[in-house]
């Protein structure tokens, strides 16, 4: 039985992100969250495109390393040929050939190691740059919802200045839901980007993104529960309102 392929697909991520963006635009046409959703969609498309597109710099490094590996193999073949023809008839020639072959092989091997190290650092820097963008978007989303205070709906007929433009509990609750969905998409994008990249440092950064987005989503969920679970209190009548405002 073939193993089932379990991996995230870029097309599905873009489709989901586009759907969320359209819902936000439809529900809150004048909200700043629209800009965030558009930026996240553009970043999603960029990440998927770069993940699917061959990296020319990386390809050049791999070809160069392969060429040098062939050089080492050629040197070893040349040495073995010299060993058969020259040894033990000419021991001095054999020693000279051995010394030159080992020196060349060590030098070329060190060059291959250096190029592979450059390739690893290049991939790591590229991935960390993407993760930094995702981290920044996470904090921007948090900043947008930070001043949306659920307590604005808990006390009516007060002189407290409302911190947002959402007139009903349902509209603010939906806003919280959209923020959580965007944070979830950020988490999915980070996981998608590194699913084919085996780098400990990058995976640690993605784990930190997951922790950040989970903590922010949990904080938003708590605010949403406070908003939906309590009845507003009318300070003029001194009673709790039966209907949600």
Protein backbone atom coordinates (compact mmCIF):
# COMPACT_ATOMS: atom_id res chain seq x y z
CA UNK A 1 0.00 0.00 0.00
CA UNK A 2 1.42 3.37 -1.00
CA UNK A 3 2.00 5.93 1.71
CA UNK A 4 -0.50 8.76 1.60
CA UNK A 5 1.15 12.07 0.70
CA UNK A 6 0.46 14.51 3.52
CA UNK A 7 1.49 18.05 2.69
CA UNK A 8 0.09 21.54 2.33
CA UNK A 9 -0.69 22.71 -1.20
CA UNK A 10 -0.03 26.28 -2.29
CA UNK A 11 -3.13 26.55 -4.50
CA UNK A 12 -5.40 25.62 -1.59
CA UNK A 13 -3.72 28.19 0.67
CA UNK A 14 -4.16 30.97 -1.90
CA UNK A 15 -7.78 29.96 -2.52
CA UNK A 16 -8.56 30.02 1.20
CA UNK A 17 -6.74 33.31 1.74
CA UNK A 18 -8.57 34.90 -1.21
CA UNK A 19 -11.91 33.75 0.21
CA UNK A 20 -11.12 35.31 3.61
CA UNK A 21 -10.03 38.56 1.96
CA UNK A 22 -13.26 38.77 -0.07
CA UNK A 23 -15.38 38.16 3.03
CA UNK A 24 -13.55 40.90 4.92
CA UNK A 25 -14.01 43.36 2.04
CA UNK A 26 -17.71 42.50 1.81
CA UNK A 27 -18.33 42.70 5.56
CA UNK A 28 -16.08 45.66 6.40
CA UNK A 29 -15.50 47.67 3.20
CA UNK A 30 -13.90 50.59 5.05
CA UNK A 31 -11.85 48.63 7.56
CA UNK A 32 -8.06 48.78 7.77
CA UNK A 33 -8.18 45.00 8.06
CA UNK A 34 -8.80 45.01 4.31
CA UNK A 35 -5.27 46.25 3.68
CA UNK A 36 -3.84 43.58 5.95
CA UNK A 37 -5.77 40.82 4.19
CA UNK A 38 -4.63 42.11 0.78
CA UNK A 39 -1.01 42.24 1.91
CA UNK A 40 -1.26 38.72 3.30
CA UNK A 41 -2.79 37.46 0.05
CA UNK A 42 0.01 39.05 -1.99
CA UNK A 43 2.59 37.54 0.35
CA UNK A 44 0.85 34.15 0.04
CA UNK A 45 1.05 34.31 -3.75
CA UNK A 46 4.71 35.35 -3.55
CA UNK A 47 5.58 32.51 -1.17
CA UNK A 48 3.81 29.88 -3.28
CA UNK A 49 5.39 31.20 -6.50
CA UNK A 50 8.91 31.19 -5.03
CA UNK A 51 8.40 27.72 -3.55
CA UNK A 52 7.28 26.27 -6.90
CA UNK A 53 9.76 28.19 -9.06
CA UNK A 54 13.32 26.84 -9.47
CA UNK A 55 15.90 28.97 -7.67
CA UNK A 56 18.61 29.85 -10.21
CA UNK A 57 21.19 30.80 -7.58
CA UNK A 58 20.66 27.52 -5.79
CA UNK A 59 20.85 25.62 -9.08
CA UNK A 60 24.19 27.23 -9.96
CA UNK A 61 25.64 26.23 -6.57
CA UNK A 62 24.46 22.64 -7.03
CA UNK A 63 25.91 22.41 -10.56
CA UNK A 64 29.22 23.80 -9.35
CA UNK A 65 29.36 21.31 -6.47
CA UNK A 66 28.53 18.45 -8.86
CA UNK A 67 31.26 19.58 -11.26
CA UNK A 68 33.83 19.65 -8.46
CA UNK A 69 32.72 16.20 -7.28
CA UNK A 70 33.32 14.91 -10.81
CA UNK A 71 36.79 16.50 -10.66
CA UNK A 72 37.59 14.60 -7.47
CA UNK A 73 36.41 11.35 -9.06
CA UNK A 74 38.56 12.05 -12.12
CA UNK A 75 41.60 12.67 -9.93
CA UNK A 76 41.04 9.39 -8.08
CA UNK A 77 40.66 7.49 -11.35
CA UNK A 78 43.85 9.09 -12.64
CA UNK A 79 45.64 8.13 -9.43
CA UNK A 80 44.45 4.52 -9.61
CA UNK A 81 45.57 4.35 -13.23
CA UNK A 82 48.99 5.69 -12.23
CA UNK A 83 49.12 3.22 -9.34
CA UNK A 84 48.63 0.29 -11.70
CA UNK A 85 51.12 1.52 -14.28
CA UNK A 86 53.86 3.00 -12.08
CA UNK A 87 53.88 1.00 -8.85
CA UNK A 88 56.01 -0.80 -7.79
CA UNK A 89 58.34 -0.09 -10.75
CA UNK A 90 58.74 3.61 -9.90
CA UNK A 91 58.09 4.25 -6.20
CA UNK A 92 59.14 7.93 -6.30
CA UNK A 93 56.67 8.68 -9.08
CA UNK A 94 53.97 6.85 -7.14
CA UNK A 95 54.58 8.91 -4.00
CA UNK A 96 54.54 12.16 -5.97
CA UNK A 97 51.33 11.14 -7.72
CA UNK A 98 49.74 10.16 -4.41
CA UNK A 99 50.70 13.45 -2.76
CA UNK A 100 49.41 15.56 -5.64
CA UNK A 101 46.17 13.57 -5.84
CA UNK A 102 45.45 13.84 -2.12
CA UNK A 103 46.24 17.56 -2.04
CA UNK A 104 43.97 18.24 -5.01
CA UNK A 105 41.17 16.07 -3.60
CA UNK A 106 41.33 17.77 -0.19
CA UNK A 107 41.27 21.23 -1.77
CA UNK A 108 38.35 20.45 -4.05
CA UNK A 109 36.51 18.68 -1.20
CA UNK A 110 36.92 21.78 0.98
CA UNK A 111 35.55 23.89 -1.86
CA UNK A 112 32.50 21.63 -2.18
CA UNK A 113 31.90 21.88 1.58
CA UNK A 114 32.18 25.67 1.38
CA UNK A 115 29.69 25.86 -1.51
CA UNK A 116 27.23 23.60 0.32
CA UNK A 117 27.57 25.83 3.36
CA UNK A 118 26.82 28.88 1.21
CA UNK A 119 23.75 27.10 -0.19
CA UNK A 120 22.48 26.33 3.33
CA UNK A 121 23.01 29.91 4.50
CA UNK A 122 21.31 31.28 1.38
CA UNK A 123 18.22 29.10 1.89
CA UNK A 124 18.15 29.97 5.60
CA UNK A 125 18.34 33.72 5.02
CA UNK A 126 15.63 33.55 2.37
CA UNK A 127 13.34 31.58 4.68
CA UNK A 128 13.97 33.79 7.72
CA UNK A 129 13.17 36.90 5.67
CA UNK A 130 9.77 35.40 4.79
CA UNK A 131 9.14 34.42 8.40
CA UNK A 132 10.01 37.94 9.58
CA UNK A 133 7.35 39.32 7.23
CA UNK A 134 4.80 36.85 8.59
CA UNK A 135 5.75 37.80 12.15
CA UNK A 136 5.29 41.50 11.37
CA UNK A 137 1.86 40.85 9.86
CA UNK A 138 0.88 38.93 13.00
CA UNK A 139 1.68 41.93 15.17
CA UNK A 140 -0.13 44.27 12.77
CA UNK A 141 -3.28 42.15 13.03
CA UNK A 142 -2.97 42.23 16.80
CA UNK A 143 -2.59 46.01 16.75
CA UNK A 144 -5.80 46.35 14.71
CA UNK A 145 -7.88 44.35 17.17
CA UNK A 146 -6.12 45.68 20.28
CA UNK A 147 -8.27 48.81 20.61
CA UNK A 148 -11.50 46.96 19.85
CA UNK A 149 -12.67 46.78 23.46
CA UNK A 150 -15.56 44.35 24.20
CA UNK A 151 -16.43 46.34 27.32
CA UNK A 152 -17.84 49.09 25.08
CA UNK A 153 -20.97 46.96 24.76
CA UNK A 154 -21.22 46.00 28.42
CA UNK A 155 -22.29 49.43 29.69
CA UNK A 156 -24.83 51.42 27.66
CA UNK A 157 -25.96 55.04 28.06
CA UNK A 158 -22.57 55.98 29.46
CA UNK A 159 -20.26 58.77 28.47
CA UNK A 160 -17.42 56.37 27.69
CA UNK A 161 -15.93 57.00 24.27
CA UNK A 162 -16.29 53.98 22.02
CA UNK A 163 -12.93 52.75 20.74
CA UNK A 164 -14.17 51.51 17.35
CA UNK A 165 -16.85 51.96 14.69
CA UNK A 166 -18.68 48.65 15.12
CA UNK A 167 -22.22 49.32 16.27
CA UNK A 168 -23.27 45.80 17.31
CA UNK A 169 -21.77 42.94 19.26
CA UNK A 170 -22.21 40.69 16.23
CA UNK A 171 -20.20 42.96 13.95
CA UNK A 172 -17.33 43.22 16.44
CA UNK A 173 -17.44 39.47 17.08
CA UNK A 174 -17.14 38.86 13.35
CA UNK A 175 -14.16 41.20 13.26
CA UNK A 176 -12.48 39.13 15.98
CA UNK A 177 -13.19 35.98 13.97
CA UNK A 178 -11.55 37.43 10.87
CA UNK A 179 -8.46 38.40 12.86
CA UNK A 180 -8.19 34.83 14.14
CA UNK A 181 -8.58 33.45 10.60
CA UNK A 182 -5.80 35.70 9.30
CA UNK A 183 -3.51 34.58 12.12
CA UNK A 184 -4.32 30.98 11.29
CA UNK A 185 -3.40 31.58 7.64
CA UNK A 186 -0.07 33.07 8.71
CA UNK A 187 0.63 29.88 10.62
CA UNK A 188 -0.29 27.75 7.58
CA UNK A 189 1.93 29.84 5.29
CA UNK A 190 4.94 29.39 7.56
CA UNK A 191 4.35 25.63 7.73
CA UNK A 192 3.93 25.44 3.94
CA UNK A 193 7.12 27.34 3.22
CA UNK A 194 9.38 25.07 5.27
CA UNK A 195 7.74 21.69 4.62
CA UNK A 196 10.50 20.86 2.11
CA UNK A 197 13.28 22.70 3.95
CA UNK A 198 15.27 20.73 6.51
CA UNK A 199 16.92 23.45 8.59
CA UNK A 200 16.84 23.43 12.38
CA UNK A 201 17.13 27.20 12.78
CA UNK A 202 14.32 27.88 10.31
CA UNK A 203 12.06 25.29 11.91
CA UNK A 204 12.63 26.91 15.30
CA UNK A 205 11.57 30.25 13.81
CA UNK A 206 8.42 28.65 12.41
CA UNK A 207 7.68 27.12 15.81
CA UNK A 208 7.93 30.61 17.29
CA UNK A 209 5.47 31.89 14.68
CA UNK A 210 3.07 29.11 15.65
CA UNK A 211 3.38 30.00 19.34
CA UNK A 212 2.88 33.71 18.59
CA UNK A 213 -0.20 33.26 16.39
CA UNK A 214 -1.72 30.74 18.81
CA UNK A 215 -1.26 33.08 21.77
CA UNK A 216 -2.70 36.03 19.85
CA UNK A 217 -5.68 33.96 18.67
CA UNK A 218 -6.32 32.80 22.20
CA UNK A 219 -6.32 36.39 23.43
CA UNK A 220 -8.78 37.36 20.70
CA UNK A 221 -10.97 34.37 21.54
CA UNK A 222 -11.10 35.46 25.19
CA UNK A 223 -12.20 38.96 24.16
CA UNK A 224 -14.85 37.46 21.90
CA UNK A 225 -16.17 35.28 24.71
CA UNK A 226 -16.39 38.29 27.01
CA UNK A 227 -18.26 40.16 24.30
CA UNK A 228 -20.82 37.43 23.59
CA UNK A 229 -21.37 35.98 27.04
CA UNK A 230 -22.35 39.09 29.02
CA UNK A 231 -25.48 41.20 28.79
CA UNK A 232 -24.99 44.96 28.58
CA UNK A 233 -25.74 46.91 31.78
CA UNK A 234 -27.82 50.10 31.53
CA UNK A 235 -26.43 52.57 34.06
CA UNK A 236 -29.54 54.80 33.77
CA UNK A 237 -32.16 52.13 34.47
CA UNK A 238 -29.87 50.08 36.70
CA UNK A 239 -30.79 46.83 34.95
CA UNK A 240 -29.18 44.41 32.52
CA UNK A 241 -30.62 44.67 29.01
CA UNK A 242 -32.30 41.52 27.78
CA UNK A 243 -31.39 42.05 24.14
CA UNK A 244 -27.91 42.45 22.81
CA UNK A 245 -27.18 45.85 21.39
